[in-house]
Amino acid sequence: MLDIFNIPVYYISFKPCIILEKNLHSRGFYNVNHFPAIDGRKMDINKLLNDNTIGIRAYNDLLFGRDDHSGLPTLGAVGCTMSHCSLWNYCIDMDLPYIFIVEQDIILPKLTKNNINNIQSALEKDNGIFISPSTNITRTKNRVHFMGTHCYFVTQNACRKLVEKCFPIQVQTDFYLAHMATIGDINVEGYKMASQSLSGLGGRSSTIQTFCAKCILPKNITFYISIIIGIIILVFISIFVSKKFFGCSKKLSLCRSSGNCS
């Protein structure tokens, strides 16, 4: 039976994080390693496009703002995916059967026996991954969906699949993993285990995410047409009511001035 605590752990952060390392050691993982995060903020967007590191969709998202949650919000998100892809390649190059990838801003609880069994079961499958996302994994006929890549166990075979289609980067890392699961290249299982520290265990806030107003607006044009029609109707109603009110006020004034209000 696979001992998941023997799997090497690599946490992605700009600097070593002693607090996170202690957290992981206290949970039974002894082979804990720091992986220097790739800082996308220092990159040139035009060079990224010309080098085929990002695609046209990602380029437009970064320049003009995304209109979908999967889109890239910042150059930091590019660096994030590049960091994950570097670890997938590292797993292959070092011939590691499995690797446990962790983002800096997590707090991992003590794993239960049920957690361990589920992780082992996921890693026994072809191209298997066990992930702890920030949302539930939902599956429909045409789509696997989840958000967040707080931490995940991944097999070498899954890493091979992931590096094949990683570039050019078009979407955020979690949406890329979900897409690869949707098309059947990898098998993703899991549920939320780790909690997220919004300020990061190292005291650093996220350099990746930004608020996306357009992402929460409906994409269907019918919605906006209905809003416009509703506004027009309200304008006409207000004009009609105003005229009625003005007419009644005028009559009342004439009535009072003439003294004939019977």
Protein backbone atom coordinates (compact mmCIF):
# COMPACT_ATOMS: atom_id res chain seq x y z
CA MET A 1 0.00 0.00 0.00
CA LEU A 2 1.27 3.45 -0.97
CA ASP A 3 2.58 5.48 1.98
CA ILE A 4 1.53 9.00 1.02
CA PHE A 5 3.80 10.49 3.70
CA ASN A 6 6.82 9.24 1.73
CA ILE A 7 5.78 11.34 -1.27
CA PRO A 8 8.08 14.38 -1.66
CA VAL A 9 6.34 17.69 -0.95
CA TYR A 10 7.14 20.85 -2.88
CA TYR A 11 5.57 24.11 -1.79
CA ILE A 12 5.50 27.08 -4.17
CA SER A 13 6.46 30.44 -2.70
CA PHE A 14 8.80 33.33 -3.40
CA LYS A 15 10.78 32.62 -0.22
CA PRO A 16 11.09 29.66 2.16
CA CYS A 17 8.23 29.59 4.65
CA ILE A 18 9.18 28.04 7.99
CA ILE A 19 5.60 28.20 9.30
CA LEU A 20 4.29 26.18 6.36
CA GLU A 21 7.15 23.71 6.63
CA LYS A 22 6.35 23.14 10.31
CA ASN A 23 2.69 22.67 9.43
CA LEU A 24 3.52 20.01 6.82
CA HIS A 25 6.06 18.26 9.07
CA SER A 26 3.51 18.14 11.89
CA ARG A 27 1.09 16.34 9.56
CA GLY A 28 3.56 13.54 8.92
CA PHE A 29 5.35 14.68 5.76
CA TYR A 30 9.10 14.63 6.28
CA ASN A 31 10.42 15.28 2.74
CA VAL A 32 9.31 18.92 2.49
CA ASN A 33 10.98 21.18 -0.06
CA HIS A 34 10.71 24.80 -1.12
CA PHE A 35 10.18 25.54 -4.82
CA PRO A 36 10.94 29.18 -5.77
CA ALA A 37 7.84 30.63 -7.40
CA ILE A 38 8.19 32.15 -10.85
CA ASP A 39 7.34 35.84 -10.60
CA GLY A 40 5.11 36.65 -13.56
CA ARG A 41 4.88 40.30 -12.54
CA LYS A 42 8.38 40.86 -13.92
CA MET A 43 7.53 39.46 -17.35
CA ASP A 44 6.78 41.34 -20.58
CA ILE A 45 3.35 40.52 -21.96
CA ASN A 46 4.37 40.94 -25.60
CA LYS A 47 7.38 38.66 -25.19
CA LEU A 48 5.16 36.05 -23.51
CA LEU A 49 2.87 36.12 -26.54
CA ASN A 50 5.70 36.02 -29.08
CA ASP A 51 7.35 33.12 -27.23
CA ASN A 52 4.04 31.22 -27.26
CA THR A 53 4.04 31.16 -23.45
CA ILE A 54 0.54 32.66 -23.45
CA GLY A 55 -2.14 32.53 -26.12
CA ILE A 56 -4.21 35.27 -27.73
CA ARG A 57 -7.09 34.81 -25.29
CA ALA A 58 -4.76 35.22 -22.30
CA TYR A 59 -3.08 38.22 -23.93
CA ASN A 60 -6.45 39.97 -24.37
CA ASP A 61 -7.52 39.09 -20.82
CA LEU A 62 -4.38 40.66 -19.42
CA LEU A 63 -4.64 43.79 -21.56
CA PHE A 64 -8.36 44.50 -21.44
CA GLY A 65 -9.61 42.54 -18.43
CA ARG A 66 -11.18 39.09 -18.30
CA ASP A 67 -14.90 38.48 -18.56
CA ASP A 68 -14.81 34.94 -17.18
CA HIS A 69 -13.43 33.46 -13.95
CA SER A 70 -11.17 31.11 -15.90
CA GLY A 71 -9.36 34.00 -17.59
CA LEU A 72 -6.00 35.32 -16.45
CA PRO A 73 -6.40 38.28 -14.07
CA THR A 74 -2.72 39.27 -13.76
CA LEU A 75 0.75 38.37 -14.92
CA GLY A 76 1.11 36.75 -11.50
CA ALA A 77 -1.34 34.09 -12.68
CA VAL A 78 0.97 33.35 -15.61
CA GLY A 79 3.84 32.85 -13.18
CA CYS A 80 1.64 30.60 -11.07
CA THR A 81 0.90 28.21 -13.95
CA MET A 82 4.54 28.28 -15.02
CA SER A 83 5.54 27.32 -11.47
CA HIS A 84 3.15 24.38 -11.42
CA CYS A 85 4.29 23.27 -14.89
CA SER A 86 7.93 23.44 -13.78
CA LEU A 87 7.11 21.04 -10.94
CA TRP A 88 5.30 18.69 -13.33
CA ASN A 89 8.44 18.64 -15.47
CA TYR A 90 10.59 18.16 -12.36
CA CYS A 91 8.53 15.12 -11.37
CA ILE A 92 9.16 13.62 -14.82
CA ASP A 93 12.85 14.54 -15.03
CA MET A 94 13.59 13.16 -11.54
CA ASP A 95 11.51 10.05 -12.27
CA LEU A 96 9.35 10.55 -9.20
CA PRO A 97 6.32 8.24 -9.16
CA TYR A 98 4.33 10.89 -7.27
CA ILE A 99 4.69 14.44 -6.07
CA PHE A 100 2.69 16.52 -3.59
CA ILE A 101 2.39 20.15 -4.76
CA VAL A 102 1.37 22.79 -2.23
CA GLU A 103 0.68 26.50 -2.57
CA GLN A 104 2.02 28.79 0.14
CA ASP A 105 -1.29 30.14 1.47
CA ILE A 106 -2.68 26.91 2.95
CA ILE A 107 -3.04 25.32 6.35
CA LEU A 108 -3.19 21.54 6.15
CA PRO A 109 -5.13 19.76 8.88
CA LYS A 110 -4.22 16.34 10.24
CA LEU A 111 -5.26 13.77 7.65
CA THR A 112 -7.85 11.24 8.72
CA LYS A 113 -7.75 7.57 7.78
CA ASN A 114 -10.54 8.27 5.31
CA ASN A 115 -8.49 11.09 3.74
CA ILE A 116 -5.49 8.78 3.37
CA ASN A 117 -7.56 6.00 1.81
CA ASN A 118 -9.12 8.39 -0.70
CA ILE A 119 -5.73 9.81 -1.69
CA GLN A 120 -4.30 6.32 -2.13
CA SER A 121 -7.30 5.27 -4.24
CA ALA A 122 -6.99 8.32 -6.52
CA LEU A 123 -3.27 7.78 -7.09
CA GLU A 124 -3.79 4.13 -8.05
CA LYS A 125 -5.77 5.21 -11.11
CA ASP A 126 -4.27 5.98 -14.50
CA ASN A 127 -3.09 9.60 -14.65
CA GLY A 128 -4.50 10.10 -11.16
CA ILE A 129 -4.65 13.30 -9.14
CA PHE A 130 -6.10 13.95 -5.70
CA ILE A 131 -6.74 17.65 -5.17
CA SER A 132 -7.91 19.81 -2.30
CA PRO A 133 -9.69 22.70 -4.07
CA SER A 134 -11.57 25.62 -2.56
CA THR A 135 -14.86 24.41 -4.08
CA ASN A 136 -16.47 21.03 -4.54
CA ILE A 137 -15.63 19.06 -7.68
CA THR A 138 -18.76 18.96 -9.83
CA ARG A 139 -19.23 16.71 -12.83
CA THR A 140 -21.76 17.10 -15.60
CA LYS A 141 -22.05 15.33 -18.94
CA ASN A 142 -19.69 17.78 -20.61
CA ARG A 143 -17.68 19.33 -17.82
CA VAL A 144 -15.56 18.79 -14.70
CA HIS A 145 -15.40 21.93 -12.60
CA PHE A 146 -13.65 23.09 -9.44
CA MET A 147 -11.72 26.16 -8.32
CA GLY A 148 -8.46 26.38 -6.41
CA THR A 149 -5.22 24.38 -6.44
CA HIS A 150 -4.35 24.71 -2.76
CA CYS A 151 -2.60 21.36 -2.72
CA TYR A 152 -2.71 18.18 -4.77
CA PHE A 153 -1.06 14.78 -5.08
CA VAL A 154 -0.21 13.93 -8.68
CA THR A 155 1.19 10.86 -10.42
CA GLN A 156 4.08 11.06 -12.87
CA ASN A 157 1.83 9.91 -15.71
CA ALA A 158 -0.60 12.74 -14.97
CA CYS A 159 2.34 15.17 -15.02
CA ARG A 160 3.27 13.90 -18.48
CA LYS A 161 -0.24 14.63 -19.70
CA LEU A 162 -0.29 18.07 -18.10
CA VAL A 163 2.96 19.31 -19.63
CA GLU A 164 1.83 18.27 -23.12
CA LYS A 165 -0.86 20.96 -23.36
CA CYS A 166 0.19 23.50 -20.76
CA PHE A 167 1.51 26.00 -23.31
CA PRO A 168 0.39 28.40 -24.56
CA ILE A 169 -1.26 29.31 -21.27
CA GLN A 170 -4.87 30.38 -21.81
CA VAL A 171 -6.56 29.97 -18.42
CA GLN A 172 -5.69 29.78 -14.74
CA THR A 173 -4.08 26.62 -13.35
CA ASP A 174 -7.19 25.22 -11.68
CA PHE A 175 -9.29 25.69 -14.82
CA TYR A 176 -6.55 24.02 -16.87
CA LEU A 177 -6.59 20.99 -14.58
CA ALA A 178 -10.39 20.88 -14.73
CA HIS A 179 -10.27 21.07 -18.54
CA MET A 180 -7.77 18.22 -18.74
CA ALA A 181 -10.08 16.16 -16.52
CA THR A 182 -13.04 17.08 -18.72
CA ILE A 183 -11.36 15.77 -21.88
CA GLY A 184 -10.24 12.62 -20.06
CA ASP A 185 -6.47 13.19 -20.10
CA ILE A 186 -6.26 13.02 -16.31
CA ASN A 187 -8.40 11.54 -13.53
CA VAL A 188 -9.16 14.10 -10.84
CA GLU A 189 -10.68 13.24 -7.48
CA GLY A 190 -10.79 15.09 -4.20
CA TYR A 191 -12.53 17.53 -1.93
CA LYS A 192 -11.58 20.45 0.28
CA MET A 193 -9.16 19.43 3.02
CA ALA A 194 -6.84 22.40 3.43
CA SER A 195 -7.97 25.81 4.59
CA GLN A 196 -6.62 28.96 3.00
CA SER A 197 -4.95 31.83 4.78
CA LEU A 198 -5.90 34.87 2.70
CA SER A 199 -2.81 36.77 3.77
CA GLY A 200 -0.58 33.75 3.22
CA LEU A 201 1.39 31.94 5.90
CA GLY A 202 4.36 34.08 5.05
CA GLY A 203 2.41 37.29 5.52
CA ARG A 204 2.18 37.96 1.78
CA SER A 205 -1.18 38.64 0.15
CA SER A 206 -2.08 37.12 -3.20
CA THR A 207 -0.34 38.59 -6.24
CA ILE A 208 -2.59 36.70 -8.60
CA GLN A 209 -6.29 37.34 -8.09
CA THR A 210 -8.26 40.51 -8.72
CA PHE A 211 -11.96 41.25 -8.43
CA CYS A 212 -13.74 40.61 -11.73
CA ALA A 213 -17.04 42.48 -12.06
CA LYS A 214 -17.58 41.30 -15.64
CA CYS A 215 -17.23 37.67 -14.53
CA ILE A 216 -20.39 37.81 -12.41
CA LEU A 217 -22.54 39.59 -15.00
CA PRO A 218 -24.84 37.46 -17.19
CA LYS A 219 -23.48 36.71 -20.66
CA ASN A 220 -26.94 36.39 -22.26
CA ILE A 221 -27.92 39.51 -24.25
CA THR A 222 -31.58 38.81 -23.47
CA PHE A 223 -30.91 39.85 -19.87
CA TYR A 224 -29.65 43.27 -20.92
CA ILE A 225 -32.47 43.77 -23.45
CA SER A 226 -34.97 42.99 -20.67
CA ILE A 227 -33.28 45.53 -18.40
CA ILE A 228 -33.45 48.24 -21.09
CA ILE A 229 -37.12 47.50 -21.83
CA GLY A 230 -37.87 47.56 -18.10
CA ILE A 231 -36.18 50.96 -17.73
CA ILE A 232 -38.14 52.36 -20.71
CA ILE A 233 -41.41 51.11 -19.22
CA LEU A 234 -40.57 52.66 -15.84
CA VAL A 235 -39.77 55.98 -17.52
CA PHE A 236 -43.12 56.01 -19.34
CA ILE A 237 -44.97 55.06 -16.14
CA SER A 238 -43.22 57.83 -14.19
CA ILE A 239 -44.06 60.37 -16.91
CA PHE A 240 -47.69 59.23 -16.94
CA VAL A 241 -47.96 59.39 -13.13
CA SER A 242 -46.26 62.80 -13.09
CA LYS A 243 -48.72 64.20 -15.63
CA LYS A 244 -51.67 62.79 -13.67
CA PHE A 245 -50.32 64.24 -10.45
CA PHE A 246 -49.64 67.61 -12.09
CA GLY A 247 -53.14 67.66 -13.58
CA CYS A 248 -54.78 66.87 -10.23
CA SER A 249 -52.66 69.50 -8.46
CA LYS A 250 -53.64 72.12 -11.05
CA LYS A 251 -57.35 71.32 -10.68
CA LEU A 252 -57.07 71.49 -6.88
CA SER A 253 -55.36 74.88 -7.08
CA LEU A 254 -58.09 76.26 -9.37
CA CYS A 255 -60.70 74.84 -7.07
CA ARG A 256 -59.23 76.51 -4.02
CA SER A 257 -58.76 79.85 -5.76
CA SER A 258 -62.37 79.92 -6.97
CA GLY A 259 -63.75 78.66 -3.64
CA ASN A 260 -65.85 76.10 -5.52
CA CYS A 261 -64.50 72.76 -4.30
CA SER A 262 -67.79 71.01 -3.67
